[in-house]
Amino acid sequence: MGAKNILFLVGDYVEDYEVMVPFQSLLAVGHHVHAICPDKTAGQTVRTAVHDFEGDQTYSEKPGHNFQLNATFNEIDETTYDALVIPGGRAPEYIRLNPRVLDIVRHFFATNKPVASICHGAQVLAAAGVLDGRSCSAYPACGPDVTRAGGEYMDIAVTAAHTDGNLVTAPAWPAHPAWIAQFLQVLGTKIEL
């Protein structure tokens, strides 16, 4: 299968690793990747945050890099994309309030295109109403969002990922190897060594 057009939905305080690593990984294997944010245009940036697991009741948060957008939100036609990625962090709290974001997400589920969501990205999926009858993982604090939206929350190791049809999910960035590998498989991406 050839290169895919992949759309990233981000916002300010997206988790640094959860946007940078998959964005760069998908580019590295030859896919065309566009990152958009509501109310922002290509060339603008979103702030990222580094979430770490240091033994507290929840993750700690530190400033991350500025992540540059390479597409304009208001100009996106989701029908021209083959797959969707929703990174975590605090961004999903904000972007899930945008009706256009929810419409974009619904398109990918209605057309059964691949979707990858990690960590708090499940908040966007729940708000879009696409989890009914589906199983997915997420950051544990988002488990109630998944179940209230009619989904089955998969409580898996922080290094694991879960695939349910076209949906690939994981709890947080330590799952990148499994999450990205499973997403590449759903995309039909072949990597030869």
Protein backbone atom coordinates (compact mmCIF):
# COMPACT_ATOMS: atom_id res chain seq x y z
CA MET A 1 0.00 0.00 0.00
CA GLY A 2 1.24 3.48 -0.83
CA ALA A 3 1.64 6.57 1.27
CA LYS A 4 -1.40 7.62 3.27
CA ASN A 5 -2.69 11.10 4.06
CA ILE A 6 -2.94 11.31 7.84
CA LEU A 7 -4.59 14.06 9.87
CA PHE A 8 -3.54 14.99 13.43
CA LEU A 9 -6.04 16.86 15.66
CA VAL A 10 -4.11 18.87 18.23
CA GLY A 11 -4.46 21.86 20.54
CA ASP A 12 -2.43 23.81 23.04
CA TYR A 13 -0.89 21.64 25.74
CA VAL A 14 -1.02 18.50 23.65
CA GLU A 15 1.34 15.96 25.24
CA ASP A 16 4.77 16.55 23.70
CA TYR A 17 5.80 12.93 23.11
CA GLU A 18 2.31 11.90 22.00
CA VAL A 19 2.36 14.39 19.14
CA MET A 20 6.06 14.61 18.23
CA VAL A 21 6.94 10.90 18.13
CA PRO A 22 4.01 9.59 16.06
CA PHE A 23 4.02 12.64 13.77
CA GLN A 24 7.71 12.17 12.98
CA SER A 25 7.43 8.37 12.81
CA LEU A 26 4.63 8.50 10.26
CA LEU A 27 6.59 10.99 8.17
CA ALA A 28 9.68 8.77 8.42
CA VAL A 29 7.88 5.82 6.86
CA GLY A 30 6.64 7.93 3.95
CA HIS A 31 3.15 9.05 4.92
CA HIS A 32 1.85 12.58 4.34
CA VAL A 33 0.95 14.04 7.72
CA HIS A 34 -0.95 17.26 8.48
CA ALA A 35 -1.42 18.70 11.95
CA ILE A 36 -4.30 21.09 12.60
CA CYS A 37 -5.72 22.98 15.57
CA PRO A 38 -9.01 24.86 15.88
CA ASP A 39 -8.62 28.61 15.35
CA LYS A 40 -5.03 28.23 14.06
CA THR A 41 -3.37 28.23 10.65
CA ALA A 42 -0.39 26.53 9.04
CA GLY A 43 2.87 27.92 10.40
CA GLN A 44 1.45 28.74 13.82
CA THR A 45 2.40 26.64 16.83
CA VAL A 46 0.73 24.94 19.75
CA ARG A 47 2.40 24.59 23.09
CA THR A 48 3.11 21.10 24.29
CA ALA A 49 3.47 19.66 27.77
CA VAL A 50 5.59 16.75 28.95
CA HIS A 51 3.63 14.41 31.17
CA ASP A 52 5.69 12.07 33.30
CA PHE A 53 4.95 9.33 35.75
CA GLU A 54 6.93 10.05 38.91
CA GLY A 55 5.02 8.12 41.57
CA ASP A 56 2.32 10.71 42.28
CA GLN A 57 -1.41 10.04 42.10
CA THR A 58 -1.38 11.34 38.53
CA TYR A 59 1.19 12.51 36.00
CA SER A 60 3.36 15.56 36.50
CA GLU A 61 3.39 18.28 33.84
CA LYS A 62 6.34 20.26 32.53
CA PRO A 63 6.64 22.66 29.58
CA GLY A 64 7.42 20.97 26.28
CA HIS A 65 8.34 22.20 22.83
CA ASN A 66 6.33 24.40 20.52
CA PHE A 67 4.86 22.18 17.80
CA GLN A 68 4.38 23.79 14.41
CA LEU A 69 1.16 23.19 12.53
CA ASN A 70 1.50 22.46 8.83
CA ALA A 71 -2.13 22.82 7.75
CA THR A 72 -4.97 25.27 8.40
CA PHE A 73 -7.94 24.00 10.40
CA ASN A 74 -10.59 25.92 8.45
CA GLU A 75 -9.28 24.64 5.10
CA ILE A 76 -9.28 20.91 5.91
CA ASP A 77 -11.44 18.51 3.93
CA GLU A 78 -11.42 15.35 6.01
CA THR A 79 -12.66 13.28 3.07
CA THR A 80 -9.18 13.63 1.50
CA TYR A 81 -7.49 11.90 4.47
CA ASP A 82 -6.98 8.18 4.96
CA ALA A 83 -6.50 8.17 8.74
CA LEU A 84 -6.78 10.26 11.90
CA VAL A 85 -4.56 10.61 14.98
CA ILE A 86 -5.68 12.19 18.26
CA PRO A 87 -2.80 12.71 20.71
CA GLY A 88 -3.42 13.20 24.41
CA GLY A 89 -2.44 15.75 26.98
CA ARG A 90 -4.77 18.54 28.01
CA ALA A 91 -5.58 19.53 24.40
CA PRO A 92 -8.51 17.08 24.09
CA GLU A 93 -10.35 18.93 26.90
CA TYR A 94 -10.40 21.99 24.67
CA ILE A 95 -10.69 20.68 21.14
CA ARG A 96 -13.64 18.39 22.01
CA LEU A 97 -15.71 21.54 22.51
CA ASN A 98 -15.36 22.44 18.83
CA PRO A 99 -18.28 21.07 16.75
CA ARG A 100 -16.10 20.88 13.62
CA VAL A 101 -13.57 18.66 15.45
CA LEU A 102 -16.39 16.29 16.39
CA ASP A 103 -17.66 16.21 12.80
CA ILE A 104 -14.15 15.35 11.56
CA VAL A 105 -13.90 12.49 14.06
CA ARG A 106 -17.35 11.19 13.11
CA HIS A 107 -16.35 11.12 9.44
CA PHE A 108 -13.47 8.72 10.14
CA PHE A 109 -15.73 6.36 12.06
CA ALA A 110 -18.61 6.58 9.56
CA THR A 111 -16.20 5.64 6.74
CA ASN A 112 -14.30 3.04 8.82
CA LYS A 113 -10.95 4.76 8.23
CA PRO A 114 -8.08 4.09 10.68
CA VAL A 115 -8.08 6.16 13.87
CA ALA A 116 -5.33 6.24 16.50
CA SER A 117 -6.00 7.81 19.88
CA ILE A 118 -3.75 7.87 22.91
CA CYS A 119 -4.13 8.98 26.52
CA HIS A 120 -6.73 11.77 26.88
CA GLY A 121 -7.58 11.55 23.17
CA ALA A 122 -10.47 9.33 24.28
CA GLN A 123 -12.18 12.48 25.56
CA VAL A 124 -12.58 13.61 21.95
CA LEU A 125 -13.89 10.18 20.92
CA ALA A 126 -16.41 10.20 23.77
CA ALA A 127 -17.59 13.73 22.94
CA ALA A 128 -18.01 12.73 19.28
CA GLY A 129 -20.24 9.82 20.32
CA VAL A 130 -18.25 7.18 18.42
CA LEU A 131 -17.45 4.76 21.25
CA ASP A 132 -20.80 3.02 21.62
CA GLY A 133 -20.13 -0.72 21.33
CA ARG A 134 -16.39 -0.19 20.86
CA SER A 135 -13.49 -1.10 23.13
CA CYS A 136 -10.57 1.23 23.70
CA SER A 137 -7.80 2.13 26.06
CA ALA A 138 -6.98 5.57 27.40
CA TYR A 139 -5.31 7.24 30.34
CA PRO A 140 -7.03 5.60 33.36
CA ALA A 141 -8.67 8.87 34.43
CA CYS A 142 -10.53 8.82 31.09
CA GLY A 143 -11.97 5.35 31.70
CA PRO A 144 -15.27 6.80 32.99
CA ASP A 145 -15.55 8.94 29.84
CA VAL A 146 -15.21 5.81 27.71
CA THR A 147 -17.83 3.83 29.64
CA ARG A 148 -20.30 6.74 29.87
CA ALA A 149 -20.02 7.05 26.07
CA GLY A 150 -21.05 3.40 25.68
CA GLY A 151 -17.57 1.98 25.16
CA GLU A 152 -15.67 -0.73 26.97
CA TYR A 153 -12.62 0.70 28.73
CA MET A 154 -9.60 -1.57 28.32
CA ASP A 155 -7.43 -1.31 31.44
CA ILE A 156 -4.10 -2.42 29.96
CA ALA A 157 -0.45 -1.90 30.84
CA VAL A 158 0.92 1.57 30.15
CA THR A 159 3.25 -0.02 27.58
CA ALA A 160 0.46 -1.85 25.72
CA ALA A 161 -1.95 -0.86 22.96
CA HIS A 162 -5.38 -2.12 21.95
CA THR A 163 -6.92 -2.47 18.49
CA ASP A 164 -10.65 -2.75 17.87
CA GLY A 165 -11.23 -2.84 14.12
CA ASN A 166 -10.10 0.53 12.72
CA LEU A 167 -9.45 2.02 16.20
CA VAL A 168 -6.00 1.79 17.80
CA THR A 169 -5.65 3.14 21.35
CA ALA A 170 -3.16 3.23 24.20
CA PRO A 171 -2.95 4.62 27.75
CA ALA A 172 0.04 6.97 27.34
CA TRP A 173 3.34 7.60 25.56
CA PRO A 174 5.20 4.62 27.10
CA ALA A 175 3.04 2.53 24.72
CA HIS A 176 4.44 4.17 21.58
CA PRO A 177 6.20 1.03 20.25
CA ALA A 178 3.01 -1.05 20.49
CA TRP A 179 0.61 1.77 19.55
CA ILE A 180 2.52 2.93 16.48
CA ALA A 181 3.17 -0.67 15.34
CA GLN A 182 -0.53 -1.55 15.60
CA PHE A 183 -1.54 1.68 13.82
CA LEU A 184 0.90 0.97 11.00
CA GLN A 185 -0.62 -2.50 10.66
CA VAL A 186 -4.17 -1.07 10.47
CA LEU A 187 -2.89 1.44 7.88
CA GLY A 188 -1.43 -1.42 5.85
CA THR A 189 2.06 0.08 6.04
CA LYS A 190 4.83 -2.37 5.22
CA ILE A 191 8.33 -1.75 6.55
CA GLU A 192 11.07 -3.96 5.21
CA LEU A 193 14.47 -4.25 6.84
